[in-house]
Each structure stands twice: as C-alpha cells, then as structure tokens.
Amino acid sequence: MNLAEEIKKHNGVMRRNSQDRARYRNVCAECEGVDCFAPYELRSRQLRYMVGTAVICVSIVLARWRCILCGRRFTDYPNFRTAV
C-alpha cells in the first residue's frame, strides 16, 4: 500500500464515532494503564510528503484521547507520520 492510500485509509477510520476509532497507542505514558482510553477530540493537520521531486500536501485527521484512569490527554499519531 502506498502512502497516499494509507493516509486515505487512516482518515476514514479516524472519522468513526467513539471507540471504533483507530488507535496507535495501547499504553498510557503517565500511569501505564492498558487500553484505558476514551475519545476526546479530533484535530486536522497538514502533512507533507515527497513523491519523486514533488511535495504533496494533504490534510490528515489526528485523534486525541483521554486516559480514564489518570485523566491525561494526548494526541495519537499514525505510524506513517515521522518527526521532523
């Protein structure tokens, strides 16, 4: 699967309601609770990637979650997004 297809699939599963939403993290970084997250909000961000010599700019949906054990909120980033 190429990156454009992966982004399209990611955006589709992020727009699902509540617990059906895709999640890339299973353990809370604060309290180390496992699978204890409730959906919090969705954010839209721009992602740039290279195809040959062209820069492609697309919008991706990022999910924010809240740990039901400690209350910490975090943004869950997909595996294809790399830090710059």
PDB file of N, CA and C in Angstrom:
ATOM      1  N   MET A   1       0.856  -1.176   0.000  1.00  0.00           N
ATOM      2  CA  MET A   1       0.000   0.000   0.000  1.00  0.00           C
ATOM      3  C   MET A   1       0.901   1.238   0.000  1.00  0.00           C
ATOM      4  N   ASN A   2       0.629   2.165  -0.914  1.00  0.00           N
ATOM      5  CA  ASN A   2       1.451   3.374  -0.949  1.00  0.00           C
ATOM      6  C   ASN A   2       0.972   4.377   0.106  1.00  0.00           C
ATOM      7  N   LEU A   3       1.739   5.427   0.303  1.00  0.00           N
ATOM      8  CA  LEU A   3       1.455   6.388   1.371  1.00  0.00           C
ATOM      9  C   LEU A   3       0.123   7.102   1.173  1.00  0.00           C
ATOM     10  N   ALA A   4      -0.222   7.467  -0.060  1.00  0.00           N
ATOM     11  CA  ALA A   4      -1.496   8.151  -0.317  1.00  0.00           C
ATOM     12  C   ALA A   4      -2.677   7.266   0.085  1.00  0.00           C
ATOM     13  N   GLU A   5      -2.615   5.978  -0.222  1.00  0.00           N
ATOM     14  CA  GLU A   5      -3.680   5.056   0.167  1.00  0.00           C
ATOM     15  C   GLU A   5      -3.734   4.881   1.674  1.00  0.00           C
ATOM     16  N   GLU A   6      -2.578   4.825   2.310  1.00  0.00           N
ATOM     17  CA  GLU A   6      -2.509   4.679   3.758  1.00  0.00           C
ATOM     18  C   GLU A   6      -3.116   5.903   4.459  1.00  0.00           C
ATOM     19  N   ILE A   7      -2.857   7.097   3.939  1.00  0.00           N
ATOM     20  CA  ILE A   7      -3.423   8.326   4.507  1.00  0.00           C
ATOM     21  C   ILE A   7      -4.939   8.336   4.350  1.00  0.00           C
ATOM     22  N   LYS A   8      -5.416   7.948   3.183  1.00  0.00           N
ATOM     23  CA  LYS A   8      -6.861   7.911   2.925  1.00  0.00           C
ATOM     24  C   LYS A   8      -7.548   6.922   3.870  1.00  0.00           C
ATOM     25  N   LYS A   9      -6.946   5.745   4.050  1.00  0.00           N
ATOM     26  CA  LYS A   9      -7.492   4.742   4.965  1.00  0.00           C
ATOM     27  C   LYS A   9      -7.483   5.268   6.402  1.00  0.00           C
ATOM     28  N   HIS A  10      -6.373   5.909   6.802  1.00  0.00           N
ATOM     29  CA  HIS A  10      -6.251   6.477   8.150  1.00  0.00           C
ATOM     30  C   HIS A  10      -7.354   7.499   8.408  1.00  0.00           C
ATOM     31  N   ASN A  11      -7.564   8.437   7.472  1.00  0.00           N
ATOM     32  CA  ASN A  11      -8.590   9.463   7.658  1.00  0.00           C
ATOM     33  C   ASN A  11      -9.980   8.848   7.772  1.00  0.00           C
ATOM     34  N   GLY A  12     -10.232   7.779   7.033  1.00  0.00           N
ATOM     35  CA  GLY A  12     -11.527   7.108   7.106  1.00  0.00           C
ATOM     36  C   GLY A  12     -11.797   6.502   8.475  1.00  0.00           C
ATOM     37  N   VAL A  13     -10.815   5.827   9.055  1.00  0.00           N
ATOM     38  CA  VAL A  13     -11.030   5.203  10.365  1.00  0.00           C
ATOM     39  C   VAL A  13     -10.983   6.219  11.498  1.00  0.00           C
ATOM     40  N   MET A  14     -10.353   7.359  11.308  1.00  0.00           N
ATOM     41  CA  MET A  14     -10.328   8.391  12.346  1.00  0.00           C
ATOM     42  C   MET A  14     -11.680   9.077  12.481  1.00  0.00           C
ATOM     43  N   ARG A  15     -12.439   9.138  11.423  1.00  0.00           N
ATOM     44  CA  ARG A  15     -13.726   9.838  11.467  1.00  0.00           C
ATOM     45  C   ARG A  15     -14.849   8.982  12.041  1.00  0.00           C
ATOM     46  N   ARG A  16     -14.543   7.745  12.392  1.00  0.00           N
ATOM     47  CA  ARG A  16     -15.555   6.888  13.018  1.00  0.00           C
ATOM     48  C   ARG A  16     -15.889   7.417  14.409  1.00  0.00           C
ATOM     49  N   ASN A  17     -17.065   7.079  14.871  1.00  0.00           N
ATOM     50  CA  ASN A  17     -17.505   7.549  16.181  1.00  0.00           C
ATOM     51  C   ASN A  17     -16.889   6.745  17.318  1.00  0.00           C
ATOM     52  N   SER A  18     -16.584   7.398  18.368  1.00  0.00           N
ATOM     53  CA  SER A  18     -16.125   6.898  19.671  1.00  0.00           C
ATOM     54  C   SER A  18     -15.109   5.768  19.611  1.00  0.00           C
ATOM     55  N   GLN A  19     -15.385   4.659  20.274  1.00  0.00           N
ATOM     56  CA  GLN A  19     -14.392   3.605  20.467  1.00  0.00           C
ATOM     57  C   GLN A  19     -14.027   2.863  19.178  1.00  0.00           C
ATOM     58  N   ASP A  20     -14.804   3.028  18.109  1.00  0.00           N
ATOM     59  CA  ASP A  20     -14.491   2.377  16.837  1.00  0.00           C
ATOM     60  C   ASP A  20     -13.323   3.059  16.134  1.00  0.00           C
ATOM     61  N   ARG A  21     -12.933   4.214  16.618  1.00  0.00           N
ATOM     62  CA  ARG A  21     -11.842   4.978  16.020  1.00  0.00           C
ATOM     63  C   ARG A  21     -10.518   4.225  16.176  1.00  0.00           C
ATOM     64  N   ALA A  22      -9.678   4.290  15.158  1.00  0.00           N
ATOM     65  CA  ALA A  22      -8.373   3.613  15.213  1.00  0.00           C
ATOM     66  C   ALA A  22      -7.487   4.266  16.269  1.00  0.00           C
ATOM     67  N   ARG A  23      -6.682   3.442  16.925  1.00  0.00           N
ATOM     68  CA  ARG A  23      -5.764   3.944  17.940  1.00  0.00           C
ATOM     69  C   ARG A  23      -4.419   3.267  17.735  1.00  0.00           C
ATOM     70  N   TYR A  24      -3.335   4.038  17.794  1.00  0.00           N
ATOM     71  CA  TYR A  24      -1.993   3.516  17.573  1.00  0.00           C
ATOM     72  C   TYR A  24      -1.247   3.245  18.870  1.00  0.00           C
ATOM     73  N   ARG A  25      -1.753   3.744  19.970  1.00  0.00           N
ATOM     74  CA  ARG A  25      -1.115   3.560  21.278  1.00  0.00           C
ATOM     75  C   ARG A  25      -2.053   2.750  22.161  1.00  0.00           C
ATOM     76  N   ASN A  26      -1.509   1.818  22.921  1.00  0.00           N
ATOM     77  CA  ASN A  26      -2.333   0.993  23.810  1.00  0.00           C
ATOM     78  C   ASN A  26      -2.032   1.201  25.284  1.00  0.00           C
ATOM     79  N   VAL A  27      -0.894   1.848  25.598  1.00  0.00           N
ATOM     80  CA  VAL A  27      -0.477   2.022  26.989  1.00  0.00           C
ATOM     81  C   VAL A  27      -0.347   3.517  27.294  1.00  0.00           C
ATOM     82  N   CYS A  28      -0.898   3.936  28.418  1.00  0.00           N
ATOM     83  CA  CYS A  28      -0.800   5.333  28.842  1.00  0.00           C
ATOM     84  C   CYS A  28       0.632   5.632  29.279  1.00  0.00           C
ATOM     85  N   ALA A  29       1.182   6.726  28.805  1.00  0.00           N
ATOM     86  CA  ALA A  29       2.550   7.112  29.151  1.00  0.00           C
ATOM     87  C   ALA A  29       2.659   7.609  30.594  1.00  0.00           C
ATOM     88  N   GLU A  30       1.560   8.037  31.172  1.00  0.00           N
ATOM     89  CA  GLU A  30       1.573   8.578  32.538  1.00  0.00           C
ATOM     90  C   GLU A  30       1.413   7.478  33.589  1.00  0.00           C
ATOM     91  N   CYS A  31       0.315   6.718  33.502  1.00  0.00           N
ATOM     92  CA  CYS A  31       0.019   5.726  34.549  1.00  0.00           C
ATOM     93  C   CYS A  31       0.258   4.287  34.101  1.00  0.00           C
ATOM     94  N   GLU A  32       0.619   4.095  32.827  1.00  0.00           N
ATOM     95  CA  GLU A  32       0.888   2.789  32.237  1.00  0.00           C
ATOM     96  C   GLU A  32      -0.323   1.866  32.218  1.00  0.00           C
ATOM     97  N   GLY A  33      -1.513   2.459  32.257  1.00  0.00           N
ATOM     98  CA  GLY A  33      -2.735   1.675  32.111  1.00  0.00           C
ATOM     99  C   GLY A  33      -2.848   1.158  30.685  1.00  0.00           C
ATOM    100  N   VAL A  34      -3.442  -0.013  30.511  1.00  0.00           N
ATOM    101  CA  VAL A  34      -3.549  -0.644  29.196  1.00  0.00           C
ATOM    102  C   VAL A  34      -4.985  -0.541  28.695  1.00  0.00           C
ATOM    103  N   ASP A  35      -5.139  -0.069  27.440  1.00  0.00           N
ATOM    104  CA  ASP A  35      -6.451   0.053  26.783  1.00  0.00           C
ATOM    105  C   ASP A  35      -7.482   0.761  27.658  1.00  0.00           C
ATOM    106  N   CYS A  36      -7.106   1.886  28.217  1.00  0.00           N
ATOM    107  CA  CYS A  36      -7.985   2.618  29.135  1.00  0.00           C
ATOM    108  C   CYS A  36      -8.289   4.018  28.595  1.00  0.00           C
ATOM    109  N   PHE A  37      -8.522   4.147  27.279  1.00  0.00           N
ATOM    110  CA  PHE A  37      -8.682   5.453  26.657  1.00  0.00           C
ATOM    111  C   PHE A  37     -10.108   5.715  26.198  1.00  0.00           C
ATOM    112  N   ALA A  38     -10.521   6.954  26.373  1.00  0.00           N
ATOM    113  CA  ALA A  38     -11.814   7.410  25.872  1.00  0.00           C
ATOM    114  C   ALA A  38     -11.554   8.485  24.818  1.00  0.00           C
ATOM    115  N   PRO A  39     -12.332   8.519  23.739  1.00  0.00           N
ATOM    116  CA  PRO A  39     -12.135   9.550  22.714  1.00  0.00           C
ATOM    117  C   PRO A  39     -12.322  10.939  23.312  1.00  0.00           C
ATOM    118  N   TYR A  40     -11.489  11.879  22.893  1.00  0.00           N
ATOM    119  CA  TYR A  40     -11.558  13.236  23.429  1.00  0.00           C
ATOM    120  C   TYR A  40     -11.935  14.238  22.340  1.00  0.00           C
ATOM    121  N   GLU A  41     -11.172  14.319  21.256  1.00  0.00           N
ATOM    122  CA  GLU A  41     -11.484  15.223  20.155  1.00  0.00           C
ATOM    123  C   GLU A  41     -10.699  14.820  18.914  1.00  0.00           C
ATOM    124  N   LEU A  42     -11.029  15.451  17.795  1.00  0.00           N
ATOM    125  CA  LEU A  42     -10.304  15.239  16.543  1.00  0.00           C
ATOM    126  C   LEU A  42      -9.649  16.547  16.124  1.00  0.00           C
ATOM    127  N   ARG A  43      -8.467  16.446  15.539  1.00  0.00           N
ATOM    128  CA  ARG A  43      -7.750  17.610  15.024  1.00  0.00           C
ATOM    129  C   ARG A  43      -7.374  17.343  13.578  1.00  0.00           C
ATOM    130  N   SER A  44      -7.345  18.389  12.799  1.00  0.00           N
ATOM    131  CA  SER A  44      -6.912  18.293  11.411  1.00  0.00           C
ATOM    132  C   SER A  44      -5.541  18.954  11.302  1.00  0.00           C
ATOM    133  N   ARG A  45      -4.611  18.268  10.668  1.00  0.00           N
ATOM    134  CA  ARG A  45      -3.262  18.802  10.485  1.00  0.00           C
ATOM    135  C   ARG A  45      -2.802  18.571   9.055  1.00  0.00           C
ATOM    136  N   GLN A  46      -1.876  19.405   8.612  1.00  0.00           N
ATOM    137  CA  GLN A  46      -1.313  19.261   7.268  1.00  0.00           C
ATOM    138  C   GLN A  46      -0.103  18.334   7.324  1.00  0.00           C
ATOM    139  N   LEU A  47       0.008  17.484   6.325  1.00  0.00           N
ATOM    140  CA  LEU A  47       1.125  16.557   6.214  1.00  0.00           C
ATOM    141  C   LEU A  47       1.739  16.740   4.833  1.00  0.00           C
ATOM    142  N   ARG A  48       3.042  16.848   4.793  1.00  0.00           N
ATOM    143  CA  ARG A  48       3.754  16.965   3.519  1.00  0.00           C
ATOM    144  C   ARG A  48       4.612  15.732   3.324  1.00  0.00           C
ATOM    145  N   TYR A  49       4.592  15.214   2.084  1.00  0.00           N
ATOM    146  CA  TYR A  49       5.458  14.089   1.770  1.00  0.00           C
ATOM    147  C   TYR A  49       5.927  14.206   0.329  1.00  0.00           C
ATOM    148  N   MET A  50       7.011  13.505   0.035  1.00  0.00           N
ATOM    149  CA  MET A  50       7.640  13.589  -1.285  1.00  0.00           C
ATOM    150  C   MET A  50       7.200  12.420  -2.169  1.00  0.00           C
ATOM    151  N   VAL A  51       6.921  12.742  -3.425  1.00  0.00           N
ATOM    152  CA  VAL A  51       6.706  11.741  -4.465  1.00  0.00           C
ATOM    153  C   VAL A  51       7.619  12.153  -5.604  1.00  0.00           C
ATOM    154  N   GLY A  52       8.722  11.444  -5.731  1.00  0.00           N
ATOM    155  CA  GLY A  52       9.730  11.848  -6.710  1.00  0.00           C
ATOM    156  C   GLY A  52      10.331  13.170  -6.286  1.00  0.00           C
ATOM    157  N   THR A  53      10.155  14.197  -7.123  1.00  0.00           N
ATOM    158  CA  THR A  53      10.658  15.528  -6.785  1.00  0.00           C
ATOM    159  C   THR A  53       9.536  16.483  -6.381  1.00  0.00           C
ATOM    160  N   ALA A  54       8.311  15.979  -6.306  1.00  0.00           N
ATOM    161  CA  ALA A  54       7.157  16.811  -5.952  1.00  0.00           C
ATOM    162  C   ALA A  54       6.840  16.686  -4.463  1.00  0.00           C
ATOM    163  N   VAL A  55       6.434  17.790  -3.857  1.00  0.00           N
ATOM    164  CA  VAL A  55       5.987  17.789  -2.471  1.00  0.00           C
ATOM    165  C   VAL A  55       4.462  17.781  -2.474  1.00  0.00           C
ATOM    166  N   ILE A  56       3.880  16.770  -1.850  1.00  0.00           N
ATOM    167  CA  ILE A  56       2.432  16.627  -1.772  1.00  0.00           C
ATOM    168  C   ILE A  56       1.983  17.081  -0.393  1.00  0.00           C
ATOM    169  N   CYS A  57       0.967  17.929  -0.340  1.00  0.00           N
ATOM    170  CA  CYS A  57       0.439  18.429   0.930  1.00  0.00           C
ATOM    171  C   CYS A  57      -1.004  17.935   1.074  1.00  0.00           C
ATOM    172  N   VAL A  58      -1.272  17.174   2.135  1.00  0.00           N
ATOM    173  CA  VAL A  58      -2.609  16.643   2.388  1.00  0.00           C
ATOM    174  C   VAL A  58      -3.000  16.932   3.825  1.00  0.00           C
ATOM    175  N   SER A  59      -4.283  16.895   4.079  1.00  0.00           N
ATOM    176  CA  SER A  59      -4.796  17.081   5.419  1.00  0.00           C
ATOM    177  C   SER A  59      -5.048  15.710   6.043  1.00  0.00           C
ATOM    178  N   ILE A  60      -4.590  15.518   7.281  1.00  0.00           N
ATOM    179  CA  ILE A  60      -4.862  14.274   7.994  1.00  0.00           C
ATOM    180  C   ILE A  60      -5.620  14.590   9.274  1.00  0.00           C
ATOM    181  N   VAL A  61      -6.361  13.611   9.745  1.00  0.00           N
ATOM    182  CA  VAL A  61      -7.127  13.743  10.974  1.00  0.00           C
ATOM    183  C   VAL A  61      -6.360  13.025  12.078  1.00  0.00           C
ATOM    184  N   LEU A  62      -6.128  13.729  13.183  1.00  0.00           N
ATOM    185  CA  LEU A  62      -5.449  13.149  14.341  1.00  0.00           C
ATOM    186  C   LEU A  62      -6.439  13.064  15.498  1.00  0.00           C
ATOM    187  N   ALA A  63      -6.447  11.926  16.159  1.00  0.00           N
ATOM    188  CA  ALA A  63      -7.346  11.725  17.294  1.00  0.00           C
ATOM    189  C   ALA A  63      -6.654  12.097  18.594  1.00  0.00           C
ATOM    190  N   ARG A  64      -7.428  12.713  19.487  1.00  0.00           N
ATOM    191  CA  ARG A  64      -6.952  12.967  20.847  1.00  0.00           C
ATOM    192  C   ARG A  64      -7.747  12.052  21.758  1.00  0.00           C
ATOM    193  N   TRP A  65      -7.046  11.496  22.742  1.00  0.00           N
ATOM    194  CA  TRP A  65      -7.642  10.552  23.671  1.00  0.00           C
ATOM    195  C   TRP A  65      -7.422  11.019  25.101  1.00  0.00           C
ATOM    196  N   ARG A  66      -8.255  10.533  26.000  1.00  0.00           N
ATOM    197  CA  ARG A  66      -8.113  10.819  27.426  1.00  0.00           C
ATOM    198  C   ARG A  66      -8.030   9.486  28.160  1.00  0.00           C
ATOM    199  N   CYS A  67      -7.036   9.351  29.033  1.00  0.00           N
ATOM    200  CA  CYS A  67      -6.905   8.145  29.852  1.00  0.00           C
ATOM    201  C   CYS A  67      -7.981   8.200  30.931  1.00  0.00           C
ATOM    202  N   ILE A  68      -8.777   7.163  31.028  1.00  0.00           N
ATOM    203  CA  ILE A  68      -9.855   7.170  32.024  1.00  0.00           C
ATOM    204  C   ILE A  68      -9.340   6.886  33.433  1.00  0.00           C
ATOM    205  N   LEU A  69      -8.089   6.455  33.558  1.00  0.00           N
ATOM    206  CA  LEU A  69      -7.516   6.189  34.880  1.00  0.00           C
ATOM    207  C   LEU A  69      -6.870   7.426  35.495  1.00  0.00           C
ATOM    208  N   CYS A  70      -6.067   8.159  34.716  1.00  0.00           N
ATOM    209  CA  CYS A  70      -5.341   9.303  35.288  1.00  0.00           C
ATOM    210  C   CYS A  70      -5.784  10.654  34.706  1.00  0.00           C
ATOM    211  N   GLY A  71      -6.564  10.656  33.623  1.00  0.00           N
ATOM    212  CA  GLY A  71      -7.061  11.900  33.053  1.00  0.00           C
ATOM    213  C   GLY A  71      -6.142  12.563  32.040  1.00  0.00           C
ATOM    214  N   ARG A  72      -4.975  11.989  31.791  1.00  0.00           N
ATOM    215  CA  ARG A  72      -4.036  12.595  30.831  1.00  0.00           C
ATOM    216  C   ARG A  72      -4.632  12.567  29.428  1.00  0.00           C
ATOM    217  N   ARG A  73      -4.435  13.670  28.693  1.00  0.00           N
ATOM    218  CA  ARG A  73      -4.889  13.767  27.308  1.00  0.00           C
ATOM    219  C   ARG A  73      -3.673  13.774  26.397  1.00  0.00           C
ATOM    220  N   PHE A  74      -3.813  13.115  25.245  1.00  0.00           N
ATOM    221  CA  PHE A  74      -2.698  13.053  24.312  1.00  0.00           C
ATOM    222  C   PHE A  74      -3.203  12.918  22.889  1.00  0.00           C
ATOM    223  N   THR A  75      -2.358  13.315  21.956  1.00  0.00           N
ATOM    224  CA  THR A  75      -2.637  13.148  20.533  1.00  0.00           C
ATOM    225  C   THR A  75      -1.970  11.863  20.076  1.00  0.00           C
ATOM    226  N   ASP A  76      -2.724  11.052  19.383  1.00  0.00           N
ATOM    227  CA  ASP A  76      -2.230   9.771  18.887  1.00  0.00           C
ATOM    228  C   ASP A  76      -1.819   9.927  17.425  1.00  0.00           C
ATOM    229  N   TYR A  77      -0.532   9.754  17.144  1.00  0.00           N
ATOM    230  CA  TYR A  77      -0.008   9.937  15.799  1.00  0.00           C
ATOM    231  C   TYR A  77       0.089   8.619  15.055  1.00  0.00           C
ATOM    232  N   PRO A  78      -0.253   8.619  13.767  1.00  0.00           N
ATOM    233  CA  PRO A  78      -0.153   7.390  12.979  1.00  0.00           C
ATOM    234  C   PRO A  78       1.294   6.980  12.749  1.00  0.00           C
ATOM    235  N   ASN A  79       1.478   5.720  12.419  1.00  0.00           N
ATOM    236  CA  ASN A  79       2.824   5.178  12.222  1.00  0.00           C
ATOM    237  C   ASN A  79       3.534   5.793  11.031  1.00  0.00           C
ATOM    238  N   PHE A  80       2.798   6.246  10.017  1.00  0.00           N
ATOM    239  CA  PHE A  80       3.439   6.806   8.826  1.00  0.00           C
ATOM    240  C   PHE A  80       3.921   8.227   9.019  1.00  0.00           C
ATOM    241  N   ARG A  81       3.517   8.887  10.091  1.00  0.00           N
ATOM    242  CA  ARG A  81       3.967  10.256  10.355  1.00  0.00           C
ATOM    243  C   ARG A  81       5.296  10.203  11.108  1.00  0.00           C
ATOM    244  N   THR A  82       6.310  10.779  10.542  1.00  0.00           N
ATOM    245  CA  THR A  82       7.624  10.796  11.190  1.00  0.00           C
ATOM    246  C   THR A  82       7.935  12.196  11.715  1.00  0.00           C
ATOM    247  N   ALA A  83       8.707  12.244  12.748  1.00  0.00           N
ATOM    248  CA  ALA A  83       9.108  13.531  13.326  1.00  0.00           C
ATOM    249  C   ALA A  83      10.100  14.225  12.402  1.00  0.00           C
ATOM    250  N   VAL A  84      10.059  15.557  12.406  1.00  0.00           N
ATOM    251  CA  VAL A  84      10.998  16.332  11.589  1.00  0.00           C
ATOM    252  C   VAL A  84      12.071  16.950  12.450  1.00  0.00           C
TER     253      VAL A  84
END
